[in-house]
Amino acid sequence: MIVGGELMGKVNERKKHGILDWIEKVGNKIPHPFMLFFFLSVFIILLSWGLNYLDVGVIDPVKNEVVKVKNLLSSEGINFMLQNTIKNFTGFSPLGLVLVMTLGIGLAEHVGLVSAFMRNTILNSSPKVITFMIMLIGICGNIASDAAIVVVPVISAFIFCSLGKHPLAGIAVGYAATTAGFSANLIVAGTDALLAGISTEAMKIVNPNITVSVVDNWYFMGVSTFLLAIVGTVVTEKIIEPRLGKYTGKKIIEREAVNQVEKKALKKAGIYVSMYILFLVAIVYPKNSFLRNPTTGSLLNSPLLNAIIPLLLILFLIAGITYGKGVGKIKDMSDIPKYMTLGIKDMSSYIVLVFMIGQFIAYFNWSKLGFVLAVEGADLLKNLNLRGIPLFVMFILLSAFINLFIGSGSAKWALLAPIFIPMFYMLGYNPALTQMLYRIGDSTTNVISPLFPYMPIVLGLAQEYEEDSGVGTVISLMLPYTIAMLIMWIIMAIIWIYLGIPLGPGAPIDI
């Protein structure tokens, strides 16, 4: 069960780790994230005024139109900020996802289901196997889109804590798997379909007869899944866990045996969850199922995947309510919203933070600063006139850098694809290669970007275990994953290209 404790000796328990300790120390001197985004918003407002005054702009590579920085201090800009304040907050896309998932996870946690499940299943498991499996499952979690980013770090923290390991290491490995490894997968996912569609449109600029299939990166991304899982496991066990040391924080999961009442409740919850999953499978199985893609009959871009959040909510509610009744935590229906409320209460600081983040992102997008930055960076790389491996590495690094400022992977690719797909094609390279290189850079720096929409969630989760965790704590934890994954993924890409292995079925390196 979850019990309270005192926060003590964090610094003394940790081993000195040079640059990472410096990053954490400096990073934690950054103001509270709410104030940080407030100051950034003010900076964006002033910067938009200055660059607009200087008439800074770029050529849209898709529409061939001039796009100039828009002034947030103009009458139009002020009206935008005032009239959209509420919309910027409530329209922040991860907010609804997080709160809906919290209703289910919060119920399961506060009735004791999560603790009992962890103690019953993994206390005697090998830590090495656990870390690798979290990485593998987390990487493949992008089949559920962003839902995995919310769920996996929470569960991973519980697992690590129940094994007597530092929960921040669990958060780190879960976040790295779902976020830095977001593009990889063992199966074709919605990301493949989304990016392939944009790549195909970009190819129409130079050759409308060539299309990019959803499986064009499948071989490479399948192998990448195992590579990243191994790299993440090594980083966790050799760098993150030794640096964090022994956990003596405020929240622990006792390593007590599961009693007979808990076992019976777990078994019953498992039966009901299995029945629910079988019910979904029975509905989805027919080719004409209303949960499949109405055009192709596939599960890609289907109502099933679009509804994954409410479906997961139902799963957690079934498990939580069944278990809660079994152990006596839920005596009547009024207890259900009580425990759900406790879950939402835990997210109150995140909700406050989202208000300011929503304003900042809206200002950044409306002013076109992100668009101008991306186009200028792409033009710089294009003007370097590189070829072969140096060009590929520079393009990956450019994608990784831009990813620090623009969170949406599809938005970045919609911007970069019309520039680099034709450019690489003219050099004789398959558009599937360009897309694959982009995906490497687009994934690996997610975990160190303060602007990534799910960074506040991870920060809030870290503060549940160590109250004084800050932005610097999270970035110092995640930087080793970014560096190791980026380097190893680039090396794998170079070897793959050198050997001329197809990226997917019918997708060679060269045209």
Protein backbone atom coordinates (compact mmCIF):
# COMPACT_ATOMS: atom_id res chain seq x y z
CA MET A 1 0.00 0.00 0.00
CA ILE A 2 0.99 3.63 -0.37
CA VAL A 3 2.28 5.15 2.83
CA GLY A 4 3.75 8.48 3.75
CA GLY A 5 7.27 9.18 4.85
CA GLU A 6 9.70 12.02 5.32
CA LEU A 7 11.82 13.58 2.62
CA MET A 8 15.40 13.20 3.72
CA GLY A 9 18.95 12.92 2.56
CA LYS A 10 18.33 13.12 -1.18
CA VAL A 11 21.53 14.89 -2.04
CA ASN A 12 23.65 12.77 0.29
CA GLU A 13 22.25 9.55 -1.16
CA ARG A 14 23.15 10.52 -4.71
CA LYS A 15 26.51 9.93 -6.26
CA LYS A 16 28.30 12.86 -7.81
CA HIS A 17 27.90 12.80 -11.55
CA GLY A 18 29.63 15.92 -12.89
CA ILE A 19 27.79 17.58 -15.74
CA LEU A 20 24.41 16.01 -14.87
CA ASP A 21 24.55 17.36 -11.33
CA TRP A 22 25.46 20.78 -12.74
CA ILE A 23 22.54 20.63 -15.18
CA GLU A 24 20.17 19.70 -12.37
CA LYS A 25 21.50 22.44 -10.10
CA VAL A 26 21.31 25.14 -12.77
CA GLY A 27 18.01 23.84 -14.14
CA ASN A 28 16.37 23.88 -10.73
CA LYS A 29 17.32 27.54 -10.33
CA ILE A 30 14.95 28.24 -13.19
CA PRO A 31 11.75 29.80 -11.82
CA HIS A 32 8.71 27.67 -11.12
CA PRO A 33 7.42 26.35 -14.48
CA PHE A 34 4.34 28.58 -14.24
CA MET A 35 6.50 31.68 -13.89
CA LEU A 36 8.97 30.36 -16.46
CA PHE A 37 6.25 30.14 -19.09
CA PHE A 38 4.93 33.52 -18.01
CA PHE A 39 8.33 35.11 -18.65
CA LEU A 40 8.70 33.17 -21.91
CA SER A 41 5.31 34.45 -23.01
CA VAL A 42 6.38 38.03 -22.30
CA PHE A 43 9.61 37.37 -24.23
CA ILE A 44 7.67 35.98 -27.21
CA ILE A 45 5.42 39.05 -27.20
CA LEU A 46 8.39 41.44 -27.23
CA LEU A 47 10.32 39.35 -29.76
CA SER A 48 7.36 39.26 -32.12
CA TRP A 49 7.14 43.04 -31.93
CA GLY A 50 10.86 43.48 -32.67
CA LEU A 51 11.03 40.99 -35.56
CA ASN A 52 7.81 42.33 -37.06
CA TYR A 53 9.26 45.84 -36.89
CA LEU A 54 12.33 44.54 -38.77
CA ASP A 55 9.97 42.93 -41.31
CA VAL A 56 11.44 39.43 -40.77
CA GLY A 57 9.84 36.71 -42.88
CA VAL A 58 10.43 33.57 -44.94
CA ILE A 59 9.04 31.90 -48.04
CA ASP A 60 6.55 29.13 -47.32
CA PRO A 61 8.03 26.15 -49.23
CA VAL A 62 4.56 24.65 -49.74
CA LYS A 63 2.46 27.66 -50.77
CA ASN A 64 5.38 29.73 -52.11
CA GLU A 65 4.09 32.70 -50.15
CA VAL A 66 5.89 35.10 -47.84
CA VAL A 67 5.26 34.38 -44.17
CA LYS A 68 6.21 37.21 -41.83
CA VAL A 69 6.45 37.34 -38.06
CA LYS A 70 3.18 38.68 -36.65
CA ASN A 71 3.22 41.33 -33.92
CA LEU A 72 1.48 40.26 -30.72
CA LEU A 73 1.45 43.91 -29.59
CA SER A 74 -0.57 44.98 -32.61
CA SER A 75 -4.31 45.50 -32.29
CA GLU A 76 -4.85 42.13 -33.96
CA GLY A 77 -2.38 40.45 -31.63
CA ILE A 78 -3.83 41.99 -28.47
CA ASN A 79 -7.33 40.99 -29.53
CA PHE A 80 -6.06 37.45 -30.16
CA MET A 81 -4.51 37.20 -26.69
CA LEU A 82 -7.56 38.61 -24.90
CA GLN A 83 -10.24 36.77 -26.83
CA ASN A 84 -8.50 33.40 -26.81
CA THR A 85 -7.27 33.22 -23.21
CA ILE A 86 -9.86 30.63 -22.20
CA LYS A 87 -9.60 28.75 -25.49
CA ASN A 88 -5.81 28.58 -25.18
CA PHE A 89 -6.27 26.92 -21.78
CA THR A 90 -9.15 24.53 -22.44
CA GLY A 91 -7.93 23.82 -25.97
CA PHE A 92 -4.51 22.60 -24.80
CA SER A 93 -4.74 19.11 -26.32
CA PRO A 94 -3.03 17.02 -23.60
CA LEU A 95 -5.21 18.51 -20.84
CA GLY A 96 -8.34 16.51 -21.55
CA LEU A 97 -6.34 13.34 -22.20
CA VAL A 98 -4.49 13.63 -18.91
CA LEU A 99 -7.54 14.42 -16.81
CA VAL A 100 -9.62 11.62 -18.33
CA MET A 101 -6.84 9.09 -17.77
CA THR A 102 -6.35 10.41 -14.23
CA LEU A 103 -9.97 9.61 -13.39
CA GLY A 104 -9.32 5.93 -14.03
CA ILE A 105 -5.73 5.68 -12.82
CA GLY A 106 -6.52 7.76 -9.73
CA LEU A 107 -9.36 5.45 -8.78
CA ALA A 108 -7.18 2.36 -9.28
CA GLU A 109 -4.37 3.90 -7.24
CA HIS A 110 -6.42 5.14 -4.30
CA VAL A 111 -8.35 1.88 -3.80
CA GLY A 112 -4.99 0.08 -3.66
CA LEU A 113 -5.23 -1.85 -6.94
CA VAL A 114 -1.97 -0.56 -8.41
CA SER A 115 0.04 -1.30 -5.29
CA ALA A 116 -1.43 -4.80 -4.89
CA PHE A 117 -0.94 -5.61 -8.56
CA MET A 118 2.70 -4.55 -8.47
CA ARG A 119 3.43 -6.45 -5.27
CA ASN A 120 1.69 -9.54 -6.60
CA THR A 121 3.40 -9.67 -9.98
CA ILE A 122 6.85 -8.10 -10.02
CA LEU A 123 8.45 -8.09 -6.59
CA ASN A 124 10.35 -11.29 -7.38
CA SER A 125 11.11 -10.40 -10.97
CA SER A 126 14.58 -9.63 -12.27
CA PRO A 127 15.19 -5.87 -12.32
CA LYS A 128 17.10 -6.19 -15.59
CA VAL A 129 14.18 -7.89 -17.28
CA ILE A 130 11.75 -5.35 -15.83
CA THR A 131 13.72 -2.37 -17.16
CA PHE A 132 14.05 -3.86 -20.64
CA MET A 133 10.37 -4.83 -20.75
CA ILE A 134 9.28 -1.33 -19.72
CA MET A 135 11.43 0.09 -22.51
CA LEU A 136 10.06 -2.37 -25.06
CA ILE A 137 6.42 -1.96 -24.07
CA GLY A 138 6.76 1.81 -23.75
CA ILE A 139 8.30 2.18 -27.20
CA CYS A 140 5.54 0.08 -28.75
CA GLY A 141 3.01 2.12 -26.76
CA ASN A 142 2.74 4.70 -29.53
CA ILE A 143 0.13 2.40 -31.07
CA ALA A 144 -2.07 4.09 -28.44
CA SER A 145 -0.72 7.50 -29.48
CA ASP A 146 -0.06 9.91 -26.57
CA ALA A 147 -1.92 7.75 -24.04
CA ALA A 148 1.24 5.73 -23.39
CA ILE A 149 3.14 8.88 -22.36
CA VAL A 150 0.61 9.40 -19.58
CA VAL A 151 0.24 5.79 -18.43
CA VAL A 152 3.67 4.15 -18.72
CA PRO A 153 5.79 6.54 -16.56
CA VAL A 154 3.20 6.31 -13.76
CA ILE A 155 3.20 2.52 -13.77
CA SER A 156 6.97 2.37 -14.26
CA ALA A 157 7.50 4.54 -11.16
CA PHE A 158 5.30 2.18 -9.14
CA ILE A 159 7.22 -0.83 -10.42
CA PHE A 160 10.63 0.62 -9.56
CA CYS A 161 9.45 1.79 -6.14
CA SER A 162 7.97 -1.61 -5.32
CA LEU A 163 11.27 -3.26 -6.25
CA GLY A 164 13.16 -1.00 -3.85
CA LYS A 165 14.63 1.00 -6.74
CA HIS A 166 14.45 4.76 -7.12
CA PRO A 167 11.05 5.79 -8.55
CA LEU A 168 12.59 8.71 -10.45
CA ALA A 169 14.55 6.12 -12.42
CA GLY A 170 11.24 4.42 -13.17
CA ILE A 171 9.75 7.70 -14.36
CA ALA A 172 12.82 8.32 -16.49
CA VAL A 173 12.76 4.93 -18.22
CA GLY A 174 9.01 5.15 -18.83
CA TYR A 175 9.26 8.67 -20.24
CA ALA A 176 12.29 7.79 -22.39
CA ALA A 177 10.55 4.73 -23.83
CA THR A 178 7.28 6.42 -24.73
CA THR A 179 8.71 9.75 -25.84
CA ALA A 180 12.32 9.46 -27.05
CA GLY A 181 11.40 6.17 -28.72
CA PHE A 182 8.04 7.40 -30.00
CA SER A 183 8.68 6.78 -33.72
CA ALA A 184 9.84 3.17 -33.35
CA ASN A 185 7.49 0.21 -33.14
CA LEU A 186 7.32 -3.48 -33.92
CA ILE A 187 4.07 -3.01 -35.80
CA VAL A 188 2.75 -0.38 -38.17
CA ALA A 189 1.16 2.43 -36.15
CA GLY A 190 -0.78 5.61 -36.74
CA THR A 191 2.47 7.60 -36.86
CA ASP A 192 3.50 5.67 -39.98
CA ALA A 193 0.24 6.52 -41.73
CA LEU A 194 0.36 10.17 -40.72
CA LEU A 195 3.95 10.77 -41.86
CA ALA A 196 3.59 8.67 -45.02
CA GLY A 197 0.65 10.78 -46.13
CA ILE A 198 2.64 14.00 -45.72
CA SER A 199 5.66 12.45 -47.51
CA THR A 200 3.49 11.40 -50.45
CA GLU A 201 2.10 14.92 -50.78
CA ALA A 202 5.62 16.35 -50.70
CA MET A 203 6.71 13.96 -53.48
CA LYS A 204 4.04 15.43 -55.76
CA ILE A 205 6.26 18.49 -56.06
CA VAL A 206 8.79 16.51 -58.13
CA ASN A 207 7.17 13.16 -59.01
CA PRO A 208 3.45 12.57 -58.41
CA ASN A 209 3.81 8.92 -59.43
CA ILE A 210 5.78 7.97 -56.31
CA THR A 211 3.94 7.26 -53.07
CA VAL A 212 5.27 6.55 -49.60
CA SER A 213 3.57 3.54 -47.99
CA VAL A 214 2.79 3.12 -44.29
CA VAL A 215 5.21 0.16 -44.24
CA ASP A 216 8.13 1.93 -45.95
CA ASN A 217 10.00 2.36 -42.64
CA TRP A 218 8.77 -0.86 -41.03
CA TYR A 219 11.99 -2.93 -41.18
CA PHE A 220 14.14 -0.12 -39.85
CA MET A 221 11.74 0.92 -37.09
CA GLY A 222 11.18 -2.69 -36.02
CA VAL A 223 14.90 -3.24 -35.46
CA SER A 224 15.15 0.22 -33.88
CA THR A 225 12.65 -0.85 -31.23
CA PHE A 226 15.04 -3.47 -29.84
CA LEU A 227 18.07 -1.19 -30.20
CA LEU A 228 16.43 1.63 -28.24
CA ALA A 229 15.13 -0.79 -25.59
CA ILE A 230 18.66 -2.07 -25.03
CA VAL A 231 20.16 1.43 -25.01
CA GLY A 232 17.51 2.67 -22.57
CA THR A 233 18.13 -0.30 -20.27
CA VAL A 234 21.89 0.29 -20.22
CA VAL A 235 21.49 4.03 -19.58
CA THR A 236 19.05 3.36 -16.75
CA GLU A 237 21.19 0.74 -15.00
CA LYS A 238 24.64 2.23 -15.62
CA ILE A 239 23.95 5.96 -15.32
CA ILE A 240 20.54 6.90 -13.92
CA GLU A 241 20.15 4.41 -11.06
CA PRO A 242 23.74 4.75 -9.73
CA ARG A 243 23.41 8.54 -9.84
CA LEU A 244 20.09 8.60 -7.97
CA GLY A 245 21.23 6.13 -5.31
CA LYS A 246 18.88 4.82 -2.64
CA TYR A 247 15.40 6.32 -2.49
CA THR A 248 14.48 7.84 0.87
CA GLY A 249 11.70 10.12 -0.25
CA LYS A 250 8.18 10.75 0.87
CA LYS A 251 6.27 8.05 -0.99
CA ILE A 252 7.01 4.35 -0.95
CA ILE A 253 5.30 1.10 -1.80
CA GLU A 254 5.74 -1.40 1.00
CA ARG A 255 7.20 -4.76 0.02
CA GLU A 256 4.61 -6.65 2.02
CA ALA A 257 2.98 -9.81 0.73
CA VAL A 258 -0.43 -9.62 -0.86
CA ASN A 259 -3.03 -11.04 1.56
CA GLN A 260 -5.81 -13.44 0.61
CA VAL A 261 -8.46 -10.70 0.40
CA GLU A 262 -6.29 -8.71 -2.01
CA LYS A 263 -5.48 -11.80 -4.09
CA LYS A 264 -9.15 -12.66 -4.41
CA ALA A 265 -9.99 -9.07 -5.41
CA LEU A 266 -7.13 -9.02 -7.94
CA LYS A 267 -8.31 -12.28 -9.48
CA LYS A 268 -11.86 -10.99 -9.79
CA ALA A 269 -10.65 -7.70 -11.30
CA GLY A 270 -8.51 -9.66 -13.77
CA ILE A 271 -11.53 -11.73 -14.84
CA TYR A 272 -13.67 -8.66 -15.47
CA VAL A 273 -10.87 -6.87 -17.35
CA SER A 274 -10.31 -9.97 -19.50
CA MET A 275 -14.02 -10.11 -20.30
CA TYR A 276 -13.92 -6.45 -21.31
CA ILE A 277 -10.91 -6.99 -23.59
CA LEU A 278 -12.51 -10.05 -25.19
CA PHE A 279 -15.66 -8.03 -25.75
CA LEU A 280 -13.66 -5.34 -27.56
CA VAL A 281 -11.84 -7.96 -29.65
CA ALA A 282 -15.17 -9.51 -30.64
CA ILE A 283 -16.46 -6.12 -31.76
CA VAL A 284 -13.29 -5.16 -33.64
CA TYR A 285 -12.66 -8.54 -35.31
CA PRO A 286 -15.23 -8.29 -38.15
CA LYS A 287 -13.87 -6.50 -41.21
CA ASN A 288 -16.94 -4.27 -41.30
CA SER A 289 -16.72 -3.36 -37.62
CA PHE A 290 -17.75 0.20 -36.81
CA LEU A 291 -14.48 0.52 -34.87
CA ARG A 292 -12.36 -0.08 -37.99
CA ASN A 293 -11.39 2.41 -40.66
CA PRO A 294 -14.58 2.77 -42.75
CA THR A 295 -12.60 3.08 -45.99
CA THR A 296 -9.86 0.47 -45.66
CA GLY A 297 -11.19 -1.80 -42.92
CA SER A 298 -7.84 -1.39 -41.16
CA LEU A 299 -7.16 -0.53 -37.53
CA LEU A 300 -4.93 2.34 -38.68
CA ASN A 301 -6.64 5.73 -38.38
CA SER A 302 -9.64 3.88 -37.03
CA PRO A 303 -12.34 4.85 -34.51
CA LEU A 304 -10.79 2.26 -32.18
CA LEU A 305 -7.48 4.11 -31.95
CA ASN A 306 -9.20 7.49 -31.90
CA ALA A 307 -11.24 6.29 -28.91
CA ILE A 308 -8.34 4.64 -27.07
CA ILE A 309 -8.50 7.11 -24.14
CA PRO A 310 -12.14 6.52 -23.14
CA LEU A 311 -11.65 2.78 -23.75
CA LEU A 312 -8.68 2.77 -21.38
CA LEU A 313 -10.69 4.80 -18.88
CA ILE A 314 -13.39 2.14 -18.90
CA LEU A 315 -10.74 -0.56 -18.39
CA PHE A 316 -9.28 1.21 -15.34
CA LEU A 317 -12.75 1.87 -13.93
CA ILE A 318 -13.75 -1.78 -14.29
CA ALA A 319 -10.54 -2.93 -12.60
CA GLY A 320 -10.63 -0.26 -9.88
CA ILE A 321 -14.29 -0.66 -8.97
CA THR A 322 -14.09 -4.46 -8.94
CA TYR A 323 -10.97 -4.46 -6.78
CA GLY A 324 -12.26 -1.69 -4.50
CA LYS A 325 -15.45 -3.62 -3.78
CA GLY A 326 -13.43 -6.80 -3.20
CA VAL A 327 -11.24 -5.25 -0.49
CA GLY A 328 -14.00 -3.15 1.03
CA LYS A 329 -12.70 0.25 -0.10
CA ILE A 330 -15.83 0.84 -2.20
CA LYS A 331 -18.92 0.20 -0.10
CA ASP A 332 -21.42 2.10 -2.21
CA MET A 333 -21.53 4.01 -5.50
CA SER A 334 -20.75 7.34 -3.83
CA ASP A 335 -17.24 6.08 -2.99
CA ILE A 336 -16.34 5.89 -6.70
CA PRO A 337 -16.36 9.65 -7.42
CA LYS A 338 -14.63 10.22 -4.06
CA TYR A 339 -11.57 8.26 -5.15
CA MET A 340 -11.69 9.76 -8.64
CA THR A 341 -11.70 13.21 -7.03
CA LEU A 342 -8.55 12.31 -5.08
CA GLY A 343 -6.88 11.43 -8.37
CA ILE A 344 -7.80 14.77 -9.94
CA LYS A 345 -6.69 16.57 -6.76
CA ASP A 346 -3.22 15.15 -7.30
CA MET A 347 -3.19 16.86 -10.71
CA SER A 348 -4.20 20.32 -9.46
CA SER A 349 -0.71 21.80 -9.87
CA TYR A 350 -0.58 20.48 -13.44
CA ILE A 351 -3.92 22.12 -14.27
CA VAL A 352 -2.65 25.49 -13.00
CA LEU A 353 0.55 25.09 -15.03
CA VAL A 354 -1.36 24.21 -18.20
CA PHE A 355 -3.09 27.59 -18.12
CA MET A 356 0.22 29.37 -18.70
CA ILE A 357 1.64 26.78 -21.08
CA GLY A 358 -1.47 27.05 -23.23
CA GLN A 359 -0.99 30.81 -23.55
CA PHE A 360 2.69 30.49 -24.43
CA ILE A 361 2.17 27.88 -27.15
CA ALA A 362 -0.71 29.84 -28.64
CA TYR A 363 1.39 33.04 -28.76
CA PHE A 364 4.35 31.17 -30.26
CA ASN A 365 2.23 29.62 -33.01
CA TRP A 366 0.17 32.71 -33.82
CA SER A 367 3.25 34.91 -34.16
CA LYS A 368 4.75 32.45 -36.72
CA LEU A 369 8.06 32.46 -34.83
CA GLY A 370 8.25 28.65 -34.86
CA PHE A 371 7.54 28.54 -38.58
CA VAL A 372 10.21 31.12 -39.38
CA LEU A 373 12.77 29.34 -37.18
CA ALA A 374 12.14 25.99 -38.88
CA VAL A 375 12.36 27.37 -42.43
CA GLU A 376 15.54 29.32 -41.69
CA GLY A 377 17.17 26.23 -40.19
CA ALA A 378 16.16 24.12 -43.19
CA ASP A 379 17.51 26.70 -45.61
CA LEU A 380 20.81 26.81 -43.75
CA LEU A 381 21.23 23.07 -44.01
CA LYS A 382 20.26 23.11 -47.67
CA ASN A 383 22.81 25.85 -48.43
CA LEU A 384 25.64 23.81 -46.89
CA ASN A 385 25.41 21.62 -50.02
CA LEU A 386 26.30 18.39 -48.21
CA ARG A 387 25.79 14.87 -49.58
CA GLY A 388 25.68 11.31 -48.30
CA ILE A 389 26.27 10.50 -44.63
CA PRO A 390 27.22 14.08 -43.60
CA LEU A 391 23.96 15.35 -45.11
CA PHE A 392 21.96 12.63 -43.38
CA VAL A 393 23.52 13.34 -39.98
CA MET A 394 23.04 17.10 -40.35
CA PHE A 395 19.40 16.58 -41.29
CA ILE A 396 18.83 14.38 -38.24
CA LEU A 397 20.46 16.99 -36.00
CA LEU A 398 18.38 19.76 -37.58
CA SER A 399 15.18 17.78 -36.95
CA ALA A 400 16.29 17.15 -33.35
CA PHE A 401 17.00 20.87 -32.82
CA ILE A 402 13.71 22.08 -34.31
CA ASN A 403 11.92 19.51 -32.17
CA LEU A 404 12.97 21.46 -29.08
CA PHE A 405 10.75 24.34 -30.20
CA ILE A 406 7.85 22.76 -32.11
CA GLY A 407 6.22 19.82 -30.33
CA SER A 408 3.93 18.47 -33.04
CA GLY A 409 5.75 15.86 -35.13
CA SER A 410 3.24 16.07 -37.98
CA ALA A 411 3.43 19.87 -38.06
CA LYS A 412 7.23 19.79 -38.32
CA TRP A 413 7.15 17.15 -41.03
CA ALA A 414 4.51 19.08 -42.98
CA LEU A 415 6.98 21.97 -42.91
CA LEU A 416 10.22 20.08 -43.62
CA ALA A 417 8.99 17.40 -46.03
CA PRO A 418 8.30 19.80 -48.95
CA ILE A 419 11.89 21.05 -48.62
CA PHE A 420 13.88 17.87 -48.01
CA ILE A 421 11.83 15.17 -49.76
CA PRO A 422 12.39 16.84 -53.19
CA MET A 423 15.99 17.77 -52.32
CA PHE A 424 16.94 14.22 -51.30
CA TYR A 425 15.02 12.81 -54.26
CA MET A 426 17.04 14.96 -56.65
CA LEU A 427 20.16 13.39 -55.13
CA GLY A 428 18.76 9.92 -55.86
CA TYR A 429 17.39 8.99 -52.41
CA ASN A 430 14.06 7.33 -51.69
CA PRO A 431 11.60 9.64 -49.87
CA ALA A 432 11.21 6.81 -47.33
CA LEU A 433 14.87 7.42 -46.35
CA THR A 434 14.26 11.13 -45.78
CA GLN A 435 11.23 10.30 -43.66
CA MET A 436 13.21 7.76 -41.63
CA LEU A 437 16.01 10.24 -40.91
CA TYR A 438 13.48 12.82 -39.77
CA ARG A 439 11.88 10.36 -37.36
CA ILE A 440 15.20 9.77 -35.59
CA GLY A 441 15.70 13.44 -34.80
CA ASP A 442 12.04 14.08 -34.10
CA SER A 443 11.88 11.45 -31.34
CA THR A 444 15.09 11.68 -29.38
CA THR A 445 14.93 15.28 -28.13
CA ASN A 446 11.29 15.16 -26.98
CA VAL A 447 12.35 14.23 -23.45
CA ILE A 448 14.61 17.26 -22.91
CA SER A 449 12.36 19.91 -24.41
CA PRO A 450 10.76 22.13 -21.74
CA LEU A 451 8.15 22.99 -24.38
CA PHE A 452 7.07 19.39 -24.93
CA PRO A 453 3.40 19.24 -23.82
CA TYR A 454 3.94 16.26 -21.50
CA MET A 455 7.00 17.62 -19.69
CA PRO A 456 4.77 19.17 -16.95
CA ILE A 457 3.15 15.77 -16.35
CA VAL A 458 6.51 14.13 -15.79
CA LEU A 459 7.61 17.00 -13.55
CA GLY A 460 4.44 16.71 -11.48
CA LEU A 461 4.92 12.94 -11.20
CA ALA A 462 8.52 13.41 -10.08
CA GLN A 463 7.39 15.88 -7.40
CA GLU A 464 5.05 13.23 -5.98
CA TYR A 465 8.17 11.25 -5.01
CA GLU A 466 10.63 14.10 -4.39
CA GLU A 467 9.06 17.45 -3.59
CA ASP A 468 12.05 19.54 -4.64
CA SER A 469 12.25 18.10 -8.15
CA GLY A 470 12.36 20.79 -10.82
CA VAL A 471 12.80 21.21 -14.54
CA GLY A 472 16.54 20.70 -14.07
CA THR A 473 15.89 17.38 -12.33
CA VAL A 474 13.88 16.07 -15.26
CA ILE A 475 16.27 17.35 -17.94
CA SER A 476 19.35 15.97 -16.14
CA LEU A 477 17.62 12.59 -15.87
CA MET A 478 16.59 12.52 -19.51
CA LEU A 479 19.68 14.00 -21.20
CA PRO A 480 21.66 10.71 -21.08
CA TYR A 481 18.79 8.96 -22.88
CA THR A 482 18.70 11.62 -25.58
CA ILE A 483 22.45 11.51 -26.18
CA ALA A 484 22.76 7.71 -26.09
CA MET A 485 19.67 7.05 -28.22
CA LEU A 486 20.56 9.73 -30.76
CA ILE A 487 24.14 8.48 -31.18
CA MET A 488 23.24 4.79 -31.39
CA TRP A 489 20.29 5.43 -33.69
CA ILE A 490 22.49 7.49 -36.03
CA ILE A 491 25.15 4.76 -36.03
CA MET A 492 22.49 2.16 -36.82
CA ALA A 493 21.16 4.34 -39.66
CA ILE A 494 24.66 4.76 -41.13
CA ILE A 495 25.31 1.00 -41.03
CA TRP A 496 21.86 0.31 -42.49
CA ILE A 497 22.43 2.75 -45.35
CA TYR A 498 25.98 1.48 -45.96
CA LEU A 499 24.71 -2.11 -46.24
CA GLY A 500 21.86 -1.03 -48.51
CA ILE A 501 19.19 -2.85 -46.48
CA PRO A 502 15.62 -1.95 -47.54
CA LEU A 503 13.85 0.33 -45.05
CA GLY A 504 10.61 -1.57 -45.51
CA PRO A 505 8.87 -3.86 -48.02
CA GLY A 506 9.74 -2.46 -51.46
CA ALA A 507 11.49 0.57 -49.98
CA PRO A 508 15.20 0.62 -50.97
CA ILE A 509 17.60 3.35 -49.91
CA ASP A 510 18.02 4.72 -53.43
CA ILE A 511 15.41 5.42 -56.07
